[in-house]
Amino acid sequence: MSAPDVPSQRRMLTSEIFGYRIRKWLGDGAFSRVYLVEDTKTHIAYAMKHVVSEGEKDDRWVDQIRAEWEIGRQLKHEAIRQLVDLKFEGSILKGIFLKNARDVGLVMELIDAVPLSEQAKPSFPECMRIFTAVASGLVHMHQKGFVHADMKPNNILYTDDRRTKVIDLGQAVKIGTVKERIQGTPGFIAPEQAKRDPITEQTDVFNFGATMYWILMRSYAPQSAKHTNDSKVAVAPSLVGPTGPVHLVDPSIPEALSLLLLDCLEDLPHKRKKMTWVLKQLTALQQSRVGAGA
């Protein structure tokens, strides 16, 4: 689209924003635009997610970025993208961000990588390194009282120097939250998300299991494609992978990992393993493969 054809929220900025010099456009989200920016004082480079609301119907996108900041600033883990600051224009009361601030910039750690959804399938040792790092990051989130609620390959960055970063806390919530509407990504949504039941740590376990399935199989887990007829979260049958243990389809996948996926993808949340257990199993499997020379 050319600039005149898009709403002002999505018009390309080219010079400065909130005291940061814009170096280039990095990409777009559902209602945001992400830039590579440079702090004009320190000359440190960051990524900035920019959202502008033109009215009440757009305010939920500003509320979402505020919630992302409030959760993200409490997390300190090497596998979770660091949030640096929240900039805004609008009403200010004693430094507190108010709801009617409608021009917002979320300053984030700059990661030089594209999402896993856009990368070639990693080698199996790399998959295990990624899975273990993500599980560790999610355990940290749960210990802090939050659920990511949107784990998927698009929200995992893997760098050339083998660093893994979980990104996008836009749907993250406190453990036990009941959302006002269905939120989730087709192919990765958990049954309780489709039913608008409470979001818990077990929601992340399901989302993460579906994510591991996709990374390994390059198709959607059948368990994540059968829980809703809502077109917004439905998956085409042609994109759904085989049922049952995946090691029977791909013998290069260890049976232990195959069974772990089934544990993560249980329909009922209380039947799924805890993320701490998932991390323990992934760590043991990774170490055993390294010890075996894989």
C-alpha atoms as a PDB file:
ATOM      1  CA  MET A   1       0.000   0.000   0.000  1.00  0.00           C
ATOM      2  CA  SER A   2       1.093   3.558  -0.578  1.00  0.00           C
ATOM      3  CA  ALA A   3       0.997   5.886   2.390  1.00  0.00           C
ATOM      4  CA  PRO A   4      -2.222   7.756   1.413  1.00  0.00           C
ATOM      5  CA  ASP A   5      -4.110   4.438   1.208  1.00  0.00           C
ATOM      6  CA  VAL A   6      -3.428   3.338   4.764  1.00  0.00           C
ATOM      7  CA  PRO A   7      -4.721   4.769   8.051  1.00  0.00           C
ATOM      8  CA  SER A   8      -2.474   7.170   9.888  1.00  0.00           C
ATOM      9  CA  GLN A   9      -1.651   4.394  12.371  1.00  0.00           C
ATOM     10  CA  ARG A  10       0.221   2.580   9.613  1.00  0.00           C
ATOM     11  CA  ARG A  11       1.824   5.481   7.729  1.00  0.00           C
ATOM     12  CA  MET A  12       5.561   5.097   7.442  1.00  0.00           C
ATOM     13  CA  LEU A  13       7.661   7.337   9.682  1.00  0.00           C
ATOM     14  CA  THR A  14      11.133   8.232   8.431  1.00  0.00           C
ATOM     15  CA  SER A  15      12.893  10.602  10.831  1.00  0.00           C
ATOM     16  CA  GLU A  16      12.388  10.509  14.607  1.00  0.00           C
ATOM     17  CA  ILE A  17       9.917   9.129  17.127  1.00  0.00           C
ATOM     18  CA  PHE A  18       9.883   9.730  20.879  1.00  0.00           C
ATOM     19  CA  GLY A  19      13.492  10.935  20.789  1.00  0.00           C
ATOM     20  CA  TYR A  20      14.737   7.948  18.796  1.00  0.00           C
ATOM     21  CA  ARG A  21      16.126   8.227  15.282  1.00  0.00           C
ATOM     22  CA  ILE A  22      14.382   5.876  12.856  1.00  0.00           C
ATOM     23  CA  ARG A  23      16.870   3.790  10.894  1.00  0.00           C
ATOM     24  CA  LYS A  24      14.488   1.538   8.961  1.00  0.00           C
ATOM     25  CA  TRP A  25      11.140  -0.225   8.955  1.00  0.00           C
ATOM     26  CA  LEU A  26      11.306  -3.817  10.219  1.00  0.00           C
ATOM     27  CA  GLY A  27       7.747  -5.078   9.770  1.00  0.00           C
ATOM     28  CA  ASP A  28       4.089  -4.802  10.723  1.00  0.00           C
ATOM     29  CA  GLY A  29       1.906  -6.457  13.326  1.00  0.00           C
ATOM     30  CA  ALA A  30      -1.873  -6.654  13.566  1.00  0.00           C
ATOM     31  CA  PHE A  31      -2.145  -2.927  14.277  1.00  0.00           C
ATOM     32  CA  SER A  32       1.423  -1.877  14.845  1.00  0.00           C
ATOM     33  CA  ARG A  33       4.508  -0.937  12.900  1.00  0.00           C
ATOM     34  CA  VAL A  34       7.997  -1.960  14.052  1.00  0.00           C
ATOM     35  CA  TYR A  35      11.079   0.143  13.381  1.00  0.00           C
ATOM     36  CA  LEU A  36      14.791  -0.175  13.971  1.00  0.00           C
ATOM     37  CA  VAL A  37      15.597   2.930  15.993  1.00  0.00           C
ATOM     38  CA  GLU A  38      18.650   4.511  17.578  1.00  0.00           C
ATOM     39  CA  ASP A  39      18.712   6.340  20.884  1.00  0.00           C
ATOM     40  CA  THR A  40      19.941   9.824  19.944  1.00  0.00           C
ATOM     41  CA  LYS A  41      21.823  10.159  23.247  1.00  0.00           C
ATOM     42  CA  THR A  42      23.451   6.741  23.704  1.00  0.00           C
ATOM     43  CA  HIS A  43      23.421   5.655  20.027  1.00  0.00           C
ATOM     44  CA  ILE A  44      22.233   2.201  21.108  1.00  0.00           C
ATOM     45  CA  ALA A  45      19.991   0.466  18.558  1.00  0.00           C
ATOM     46  CA  TYR A  46      16.592  -0.952  19.545  1.00  0.00           C
ATOM     47  CA  ALA A  47      13.407  -2.183  17.960  1.00  0.00           C
ATOM     48  CA  MET A  48      10.302  -0.056  18.569  1.00  0.00           C
ATOM     49  CA  LYS A  49       6.700  -1.201  18.195  1.00  0.00           C
ATOM     50  CA  HIS A  50       4.583   1.848  17.368  1.00  0.00           C
ATOM     51  CA  VAL A  51       0.797   2.019  17.778  1.00  0.00           C
ATOM     52  CA  VAL A  52      -1.538   4.961  17.235  1.00  0.00           C
ATOM     53  CA  SER A  53      -5.245   4.965  18.063  1.00  0.00           C
ATOM     54  CA  GLU A  54      -7.615   7.282  16.227  1.00  0.00           C
ATOM     55  CA  GLY A  55     -10.603   6.530  18.450  1.00  0.00           C
ATOM     56  CA  GLU A  56     -12.214   4.221  20.982  1.00  0.00           C
ATOM     57  CA  LYS A  57     -12.491   1.318  18.540  1.00  0.00           C
ATOM     58  CA  ASP A  58      -8.703   1.326  18.176  1.00  0.00           C
ATOM     59  CA  ASP A  59      -7.909   1.780  21.867  1.00  0.00           C
ATOM     60  CA  ARG A  60      -7.662  -1.954  22.500  1.00  0.00           C
ATOM     61  CA  TRP A  61      -4.419  -2.016  20.511  1.00  0.00           C
ATOM     62  CA  VAL A  62      -2.968   0.660  22.774  1.00  0.00           C
ATOM     63  CA  ASP A  63      -4.247  -1.206  25.837  1.00  0.00           C
ATOM     64  CA  GLN A  64      -2.567  -4.345  24.531  1.00  0.00           C
ATOM     65  CA  ILE A  65       0.816  -2.691  24.145  1.00  0.00           C
ATOM     66  CA  ARG A  66       0.501  -1.205  27.631  1.00  0.00           C
ATOM     67  CA  ALA A  67      -0.292  -4.653  29.043  1.00  0.00           C
ATOM     68  CA  GLU A  68       2.668  -6.085  27.132  1.00  0.00           C
ATOM     69  CA  TRP A  69       4.937  -3.536  28.800  1.00  0.00           C
ATOM     70  CA  GLU A  70       3.516  -4.109  32.287  1.00  0.00           C
ATOM     71  CA  ILE A  71       4.180  -7.849  32.012  1.00  0.00           C
ATOM     72  CA  GLY A  72       7.406  -7.725  30.019  1.00  0.00           C
ATOM     73  CA  ARG A  73       9.205  -5.339  32.345  1.00  0.00           C
ATOM     74  CA  GLN A  74       8.845  -7.925  35.126  1.00  0.00           C
ATOM     75  CA  LEU A  75      10.591 -10.651  33.129  1.00  0.00           C
ATOM     76  CA  LYS A  76      14.366 -11.061  33.063  1.00  0.00           C
ATOM     77  CA  HIS A  77      15.394 -14.157  31.148  1.00  0.00           C
ATOM     78  CA  GLU A  78      17.932 -14.692  28.395  1.00  0.00           C
ATOM     79  CA  ALA A  79      15.361 -16.456  26.199  1.00  0.00           C
ATOM     80  CA  ILE A  80      12.755 -13.682  26.420  1.00  0.00           C
ATOM     81  CA  ARG A  81      13.152 -10.462  24.495  1.00  0.00           C
ATOM     82  CA  GLN A  82      13.873  -7.628  26.915  1.00  0.00           C
ATOM     83  CA  LEU A  83      11.507  -4.675  26.982  1.00  0.00           C
ATOM     84  CA  VAL A  84      13.392  -1.443  27.574  1.00  0.00           C
ATOM     85  CA  ASP A  85      10.874   1.397  27.871  1.00  0.00           C
ATOM     86  CA  LEU A  86       7.370   2.587  27.043  1.00  0.00           C
ATOM     87  CA  LYS A  87       7.039   5.959  25.319  1.00  0.00           C
ATOM     88  CA  PHE A  88       3.769   7.748  24.755  1.00  0.00           C
ATOM     89  CA  GLU A  89       2.043  10.994  23.914  1.00  0.00           C
ATOM     90  CA  GLY A  90      -1.203  11.811  25.674  1.00  0.00           C
ATOM     91  CA  SER A  91      -2.368  12.426  29.214  1.00  0.00           C
ATOM     92  CA  ILE A  92       0.216  12.062  31.960  1.00  0.00           C
ATOM     93  CA  LEU A  93      -0.440  12.087  35.696  1.00  0.00           C
ATOM     94  CA  LYS A  94       2.635  11.842  37.935  1.00  0.00           C
ATOM     95  CA  GLY A  95       4.408   9.784  35.309  1.00  0.00           C
ATOM     96  CA  ILE A  96       1.612   7.216  35.100  1.00  0.00           C
ATOM     97  CA  PHE A  97       0.497   6.049  31.664  1.00  0.00           C
ATOM     98  CA  LEU A  98      -3.229   6.748  31.308  1.00  0.00           C
ATOM     99  CA  LYS A  99      -5.709   4.952  29.101  1.00  0.00           C
ATOM    100  CA  ASN A 100      -6.323   7.958  26.861  1.00  0.00           C
ATOM    101  CA  ALA A 101      -2.706   8.103  25.696  1.00  0.00           C
ATOM    102  CA  ARG A 102      -3.134   7.093  22.050  1.00  0.00           C
ATOM    103  CA  ASP A 103       0.323   7.325  20.481  1.00  0.00           C
ATOM    104  CA  VAL A 104       2.577   4.679  22.003  1.00  0.00           C
ATOM    105  CA  GLY A 105       6.030   3.253  21.343  1.00  0.00           C
ATOM    106  CA  LEU A 106       7.329   0.089  22.998  1.00  0.00           C
ATOM    107  CA  VAL A 107      11.147   0.070  23.016  1.00  0.00           C
ATOM    108  CA  MET A 108      12.551  -3.459  22.805  1.00  0.00           C
ATOM    109  CA  GLU A 109      15.829  -5.333  22.624  1.00  0.00           C
ATOM    110  CA  LEU A 110      16.954  -5.528  18.997  1.00  0.00           C
ATOM    111  CA  ILE A 111      17.331  -9.119  17.778  1.00  0.00           C
ATOM    112  CA  ASP A 112      19.001  -9.672  14.410  1.00  0.00           C
ATOM    113  CA  ALA A 113      16.936 -12.654  13.289  1.00  0.00           C
ATOM    114  CA  VAL A 114      13.735 -13.596  11.511  1.00  0.00           C
ATOM    115  CA  PRO A 115      11.038 -15.774  13.127  1.00  0.00           C
ATOM    116  CA  LEU A 116      11.359 -19.548  12.964  1.00  0.00           C
ATOM    117  CA  SER A 117       8.265 -19.578  10.767  1.00  0.00           C
ATOM    118  CA  GLU A 118      10.357 -17.902   8.062  1.00  0.00           C
ATOM    119  CA  GLN A 119      13.495 -19.997   8.486  1.00  0.00           C
ATOM    120  CA  ALA A 120      14.410 -23.351   7.004  1.00  0.00           C
ATOM    121  CA  LYS A 121      13.863 -26.287   9.328  1.00  0.00           C
ATOM    122  CA  PRO A 122      16.697 -26.299  11.889  1.00  0.00           C
ATOM    123  CA  SER A 123      18.835 -29.376  12.389  1.00  0.00           C
ATOM    124  CA  PHE A 124      17.634 -31.689  15.138  1.00  0.00           C
ATOM    125  CA  PRO A 125      20.330 -30.548  17.623  1.00  0.00           C
ATOM    126  CA  GLU A 126      19.282 -26.958  16.921  1.00  0.00           C
ATOM    127  CA  CYS A 127      15.633 -27.885  17.448  1.00  0.00           C
ATOM    128  CA  MET A 128      16.485 -29.297  20.839  1.00  0.00           C
ATOM    129  CA  ARG A 129      18.484 -26.179  21.734  1.00  0.00           C
ATOM    130  CA  ILE A 130      15.525 -23.990  20.723  1.00  0.00           C
ATOM    131  CA  PHE A 131      12.920 -26.116  22.515  1.00  0.00           C
ATOM    132  CA  THR A 132      14.923 -26.169  25.742  1.00  0.00           C
ATOM    133  CA  ALA A 133      15.486 -22.405  25.695  1.00  0.00           C
ATOM    134  CA  VAL A 134      11.817 -21.641  25.024  1.00  0.00           C
ATOM    135  CA  ALA A 135      10.667 -23.997  27.779  1.00  0.00           C
ATOM    136  CA  SER A 136      13.093 -22.330  30.194  1.00  0.00           C
ATOM    137  CA  GLY A 137      11.739 -18.905  29.286  1.00  0.00           C
ATOM    138  CA  LEU A 138       8.147 -20.054  29.777  1.00  0.00           C
ATOM    139  CA  VAL A 139       8.984 -21.558  33.169  1.00  0.00           C
ATOM    140  CA  HIS A 140      10.324 -18.125  34.141  1.00  0.00           C
ATOM    141  CA  MET A 141       7.097 -16.466  32.986  1.00  0.00           C
ATOM    142  CA  HIS A 142       4.977 -18.912  34.963  1.00  0.00           C
ATOM    143  CA  GLN A 143       7.057 -18.381  38.081  1.00  0.00           C
ATOM    144  CA  LYS A 144       6.354 -14.653  37.731  1.00  0.00           C
ATOM    145  CA  GLY A 145       2.619 -15.372  37.474  1.00  0.00           C
ATOM    146  CA  PHE A 146       2.051 -14.900  33.744  1.00  0.00           C
ATOM    147  CA  VAL A 147       1.134 -16.928  30.676  1.00  0.00           C
ATOM    148  CA  HIS A 148       2.424 -16.075  27.191  1.00  0.00           C
ATOM    149  CA  ALA A 149      -0.789 -17.430  25.578  1.00  0.00           C
ATOM    150  CA  ASP A 150       0.457 -17.149  21.989  1.00  0.00           C
ATOM    151  CA  MET A 151       3.419 -19.460  21.589  1.00  0.00           C
ATOM    152  CA  LYS A 152       4.044 -20.228  17.909  1.00  0.00           C
ATOM    153  CA  PRO A 153       7.020 -20.344  15.513  1.00  0.00           C
ATOM    154  CA  ASN A 154       6.355 -16.749  14.491  1.00  0.00           C
ATOM    155  CA  ASN A 155       7.061 -15.665  18.077  1.00  0.00           C
ATOM    156  CA  ILE A 156      10.439 -17.380  18.325  1.00  0.00           C
ATOM    157  CA  LEU A 157      13.604 -15.794  16.948  1.00  0.00           C
ATOM    158  CA  TYR A 158      16.745 -17.882  16.405  1.00  0.00           C
ATOM    159  CA  THR A 159      19.916 -15.988  15.628  1.00  0.00           C
ATOM    160  CA  ASP A 160      22.982 -16.950  13.617  1.00  0.00           C
ATOM    161  CA  ASP A 161      24.949 -17.228  16.853  1.00  0.00           C
ATOM    162  CA  ARG A 162      22.391 -19.739  18.184  1.00  0.00           C
ATOM    163  CA  ARG A 163      20.471 -17.545  20.584  1.00  0.00           C
ATOM    164  CA  THR A 164      16.756 -18.163  21.072  1.00  0.00           C
ATOM    165  CA  LYS A 165      14.342 -15.355  21.930  1.00  0.00           C
ATOM    166  CA  VAL A 166      10.639 -15.573  22.726  1.00  0.00           C
ATOM    167  CA  ILE A 167       8.922 -12.398  21.547  1.00  0.00           C
ATOM    168  CA  ASP A 168       5.505 -10.692  21.446  1.00  0.00           C
ATOM    169  CA  LEU A 169       3.785 -10.568  24.817  1.00  0.00           C
ATOM    170  CA  GLY A 170       0.733  -8.900  23.292  1.00  0.00           C
ATOM    171  CA  GLN A 171      -1.598 -11.692  24.400  1.00  0.00           C
ATOM    172  CA  ALA A 172       0.172 -12.479  27.681  1.00  0.00           C
ATOM    173  CA  VAL A 173      -1.979 -12.389  30.816  1.00  0.00           C
ATOM    174  CA  LYS A 174      -1.924 -13.228  34.497  1.00  0.00           C
ATOM    175  CA  ILE A 175      -2.445 -16.910  35.263  1.00  0.00           C
ATOM    176  CA  GLY A 176      -6.162 -17.659  35.543  1.00  0.00           C
ATOM    177  CA  THR A 177      -7.394 -14.837  33.303  1.00  0.00           C
ATOM    178  CA  VAL A 178     -10.641 -15.349  31.386  1.00  0.00           C
ATOM    179  CA  LYS A 179     -10.457 -13.339  28.166  1.00  0.00           C
ATOM    180  CA  GLU A 180     -13.370 -11.354  26.812  1.00  0.00           C
ATOM    181  CA  ARG A 181     -13.027 -12.890  23.350  1.00  0.00           C
ATOM    182  CA  ILE A 182     -11.333 -15.824  21.685  1.00  0.00           C
ATOM    183  CA  GLN A 183      -7.649 -15.075  21.195  1.00  0.00           C
ATOM    184  CA  GLY A 184      -5.155 -17.483  19.704  1.00  0.00           C
ATOM    185  CA  THR A 185      -3.454 -18.425  16.467  1.00  0.00           C
ATOM    186  CA  PRO A 186      -4.855 -21.025  14.068  1.00  0.00           C
ATOM    187  CA  GLY A 187      -2.915 -24.249  14.394  1.00  0.00           C
ATOM    188  CA  PHE A 188      -1.605 -23.456  17.865  1.00  0.00           C
ATOM    189  CA  ILE A 189      -4.665 -22.485  19.900  1.00  0.00           C
ATOM    190  CA  ALA A 190      -5.469 -24.578  22.967  1.00  0.00           C
ATOM    191  CA  PRO A 191      -8.972 -25.992  23.573  1.00  0.00           C
ATOM    192  CA  GLU A 192      -9.545 -23.749  26.587  1.00  0.00           C
ATOM    193  CA  GLN A 193      -8.701 -20.677  24.496  1.00  0.00           C
ATOM    194  CA  ALA A 194     -11.336 -21.638  21.939  1.00  0.00           C
ATOM    195  CA  LYS A 195     -13.866 -22.129  24.764  1.00  0.00           C
ATOM    196  CA  ARG A 196     -12.848 -18.932  26.592  1.00  0.00           C
ATOM    197  CA  ASP A 197     -12.020 -20.885  29.725  1.00  0.00           C
ATOM    198  CA  PRO A 198      -9.326 -19.634  32.142  1.00  0.00           C
ATOM    199  CA  ILE A 199      -5.856 -19.222  30.649  1.00  0.00           C
ATOM    200  CA  THR A 200      -3.280 -21.095  32.736  1.00  0.00           C
ATOM    201  CA  GLU A 201       0.287 -22.368  32.537  1.00  0.00           C
ATOM    202  CA  GLN A 202      -1.146 -25.448  30.817  1.00  0.00           C
ATOM    203  CA  THR A 203      -2.286 -23.225  27.953  1.00  0.00           C
ATOM    204  CA  ASP A 204       1.357 -22.448  27.216  1.00  0.00           C
ATOM    205  CA  VAL A 205       2.164 -26.158  27.409  1.00  0.00           C
ATOM    206  CA  PHE A 206      -0.370 -26.882  24.659  1.00  0.00           C
ATOM    207  CA  ASN A 207       0.700 -23.932  22.498  1.00  0.00           C
ATOM    208  CA  PHE A 208       4.329 -24.957  22.929  1.00  0.00           C
ATOM    209  CA  GLY A 209       3.574 -28.585  22.077  1.00  0.00           C
ATOM    210  CA  ALA A 210       1.846 -27.456  18.880  1.00  0.00           C
ATOM    211  CA  THR A 211       4.835 -25.227  18.137  1.00  0.00           C
ATOM    212  CA  MET A 212       7.326 -28.078  18.546  1.00  0.00           C
ATOM    213  CA  TYR A 213       5.113 -30.273  16.348  1.00  0.00           C
ATOM    214  CA  TRP A 214       5.108 -27.660  13.555  1.00  0.00           C
ATOM    215  CA  ILE A 215       8.852 -27.083  13.732  1.00  0.00           C
ATOM    216  CA  LEU A 216       9.534 -30.805  13.496  1.00  0.00           C
ATOM    217  CA  MET A 217       6.813 -31.791  11.005  1.00  0.00           C
ATOM    218  CA  ARG A 218       6.117 -28.541   9.102  1.00  0.00           C
ATOM    219  CA  SER A 219       2.400 -29.157   9.537  1.00  0.00           C
ATOM    220  CA  TYR A 220      -0.138 -28.363  12.240  1.00  0.00           C
ATOM    221  CA  ALA A 221      -0.768 -30.723  15.122  1.00  0.00           C
ATOM    222  CA  PRO A 222      -4.181 -32.386  14.660  1.00  0.00           C
ATOM    223  CA  GLN A 223      -4.971 -31.723  18.322  1.00  0.00           C
ATOM    224  CA  SER A 224      -4.816 -27.965  17.716  1.00  0.00           C
ATOM    225  CA  ALA A 225      -7.068 -28.068  14.656  1.00  0.00           C
ATOM    226  CA  LYS A 226     -10.175 -29.832  15.969  1.00  0.00           C
ATOM    227  CA  HIS A 227     -11.502 -27.685  18.771  1.00  0.00           C
ATOM    228  CA  THR A 228     -13.414 -24.925  17.047  1.00  0.00           C
ATOM    229  CA  ASN A 229     -15.405 -24.159  13.933  1.00  0.00           C
ATOM    230  CA  ASP A 230     -14.621 -20.471  14.269  1.00  0.00           C
ATOM    231  CA  SER A 231     -13.164 -19.413  10.914  1.00  0.00           C
ATOM    232  CA  LYS A 232     -10.746 -17.068  12.680  1.00  0.00           C
ATOM    233  CA  VAL A 233      -8.866 -19.937  14.306  1.00  0.00           C
ATOM    234  CA  ALA A 234      -9.656 -22.813  11.938  1.00  0.00           C
ATOM    235  CA  VAL A 235      -6.973 -24.681   9.990  1.00  0.00           C
ATOM    236  CA  ALA A 236      -7.381 -26.159   6.516  1.00  0.00           C
ATOM    237  CA  PRO A 237      -7.402 -29.989   6.727  1.00  0.00           C
ATOM    238  CA  SER A 238      -4.672 -30.146   4.089  1.00  0.00           C
ATOM    239  CA  LEU A 239      -2.282 -28.387   6.488  1.00  0.00           C
ATOM    240  CA  VAL A 240      -2.850 -30.776   9.398  1.00  0.00           C
ATOM    241  CA  GLY A 241      -0.256 -33.434  10.147  1.00  0.00           C
ATOM    242  CA  PRO A 242      -0.715 -37.095  11.047  1.00  0.00           C
ATOM    243  CA  THR A 243      -2.267 -38.247  14.298  1.00  0.00           C
ATOM    244  CA  GLY A 244      -0.459 -40.407  16.792  1.00  0.00           C
ATOM    245  CA  PRO A 245       3.222 -40.493  17.797  1.00  0.00           C
ATOM    246  CA  VAL A 246       5.281 -38.604  15.217  1.00  0.00           C
ATOM    247  CA  HIS A 247       8.307 -40.914  15.552  1.00  0.00           C
ATOM    248  CA  LEU A 248       6.252 -43.536  13.706  1.00  0.00           C
ATOM    249  CA  VAL A 249       6.064 -41.120  10.770  1.00  0.00           C
ATOM    250  CA  ASP A 250       9.576 -39.703  11.051  1.00  0.00           C
ATOM    251  CA  PRO A 251      11.994 -42.195  12.644  1.00  0.00           C
ATOM    252  CA  SER A 252      14.608 -39.452  13.077  1.00  0.00           C
ATOM    253  CA  ILE A 253      12.487 -38.030  15.903  1.00  0.00           C
ATOM    254  CA  PRO A 254      13.286 -39.792  19.199  1.00  0.00           C
ATOM    255  CA  GLU A 255      10.402 -41.707  20.724  1.00  0.00           C
ATOM    256  CA  ALA A 256      10.839 -39.811  23.998  1.00  0.00           C
ATOM    257  CA  LEU A 257      10.255 -36.478  22.239  1.00  0.00           C
ATOM    258  CA  SER A 258       7.348 -37.928  20.265  1.00  0.00           C
ATOM    259  CA  LEU A 259       5.613 -39.020  23.467  1.00  0.00           C
ATOM    260  CA  LEU A 260       6.396 -35.692  25.099  1.00  0.00           C
ATOM    261  CA  LEU A 261       4.474 -33.949  22.320  1.00  0.00           C
ATOM    262  CA  LEU A 262       1.438 -36.120  23.052  1.00  0.00           C
ATOM    263  CA  ASP A 263       1.680 -35.193  26.742  1.00  0.00           C
ATOM    264  CA  CYS A 264       1.772 -31.489  25.860  1.00  0.00           C
ATOM    265  CA  LEU A 265      -1.177 -31.767  23.461  1.00  0.00           C
ATOM    266  CA  GLU A 266      -3.684 -33.380  25.817  1.00  0.00           C
ATOM    267  CA  ASP A 267      -7.168 -31.912  25.373  1.00  0.00           C
ATOM    268  CA  LEU A 268      -7.810 -31.349  29.065  1.00  0.00           C
ATOM    269  CA  PRO A 269      -5.443 -28.879  30.751  1.00  0.00           C
ATOM    270  CA  HIS A 270      -5.164 -30.881  33.975  1.00  0.00           C
ATOM    271  CA  LYS A 271      -3.911 -33.903  32.012  1.00  0.00           C
ATOM    272  CA  ARG A 272      -0.982 -31.987  30.539  1.00  0.00           C
ATOM    273  CA  LYS A 273       2.408 -32.004  32.207  1.00  0.00           C
ATOM    274  CA  LYS A 274       3.726 -28.860  33.888  1.00  0.00           C
ATOM    275  CA  MET A 275       6.217 -26.738  31.967  1.00  0.00           C
ATOM    276  CA  THR A 276       8.847 -27.492  34.604  1.00  0.00           C
ATOM    277  CA  TRP A 277       8.486 -31.198  33.758  1.00  0.00           C
ATOM    278  CA  VAL A 278       8.610 -30.454  30.024  1.00  0.00           C
ATOM    279  CA  LEU A 279      11.831 -28.494  30.531  1.00  0.00           C
ATOM    280  CA  LYS A 280      13.344 -31.323  32.581  1.00  0.00           C
ATOM    281  CA  GLN A 281      12.534 -33.863  29.851  1.00  0.00           C
ATOM    282  CA  LEU A 282      13.863 -31.670  27.060  1.00  0.00           C
ATOM    283  CA  THR A 283      17.068 -30.962  28.974  1.00  0.00           C
ATOM    284  CA  ALA A 284      17.639 -34.674  29.630  1.00  0.00           C
ATOM    285  CA  LEU A 285      16.948 -35.552  25.996  1.00  0.00           C
ATOM    286  CA  GLN A 286      19.270 -32.814  24.757  1.00  0.00           C
ATOM    287  CA  GLN A 287      22.050 -33.974  27.067  1.00  0.00           C
ATOM    288  CA  SER A 288      21.606 -37.605  26.102  1.00  0.00           C
ATOM    289  CA  ARG A 289      21.793 -36.755  22.405  1.00  0.00           C
ATOM    290  CA  VAL A 290      24.933 -34.683  22.954  1.00  0.00           C
ATOM    291  CA  GLY A 291      26.452 -37.492  24.962  1.00  0.00           C
ATOM    292  CA  ALA A 292      25.643 -39.903  22.159  1.00  0.00           C
ATOM    293  CA  GLY A 293      27.382 -37.607  19.679  1.00  0.00           C
ATOM    294  CA  ALA A 294      24.220 -36.374  17.919  1.00  0.00           C
END
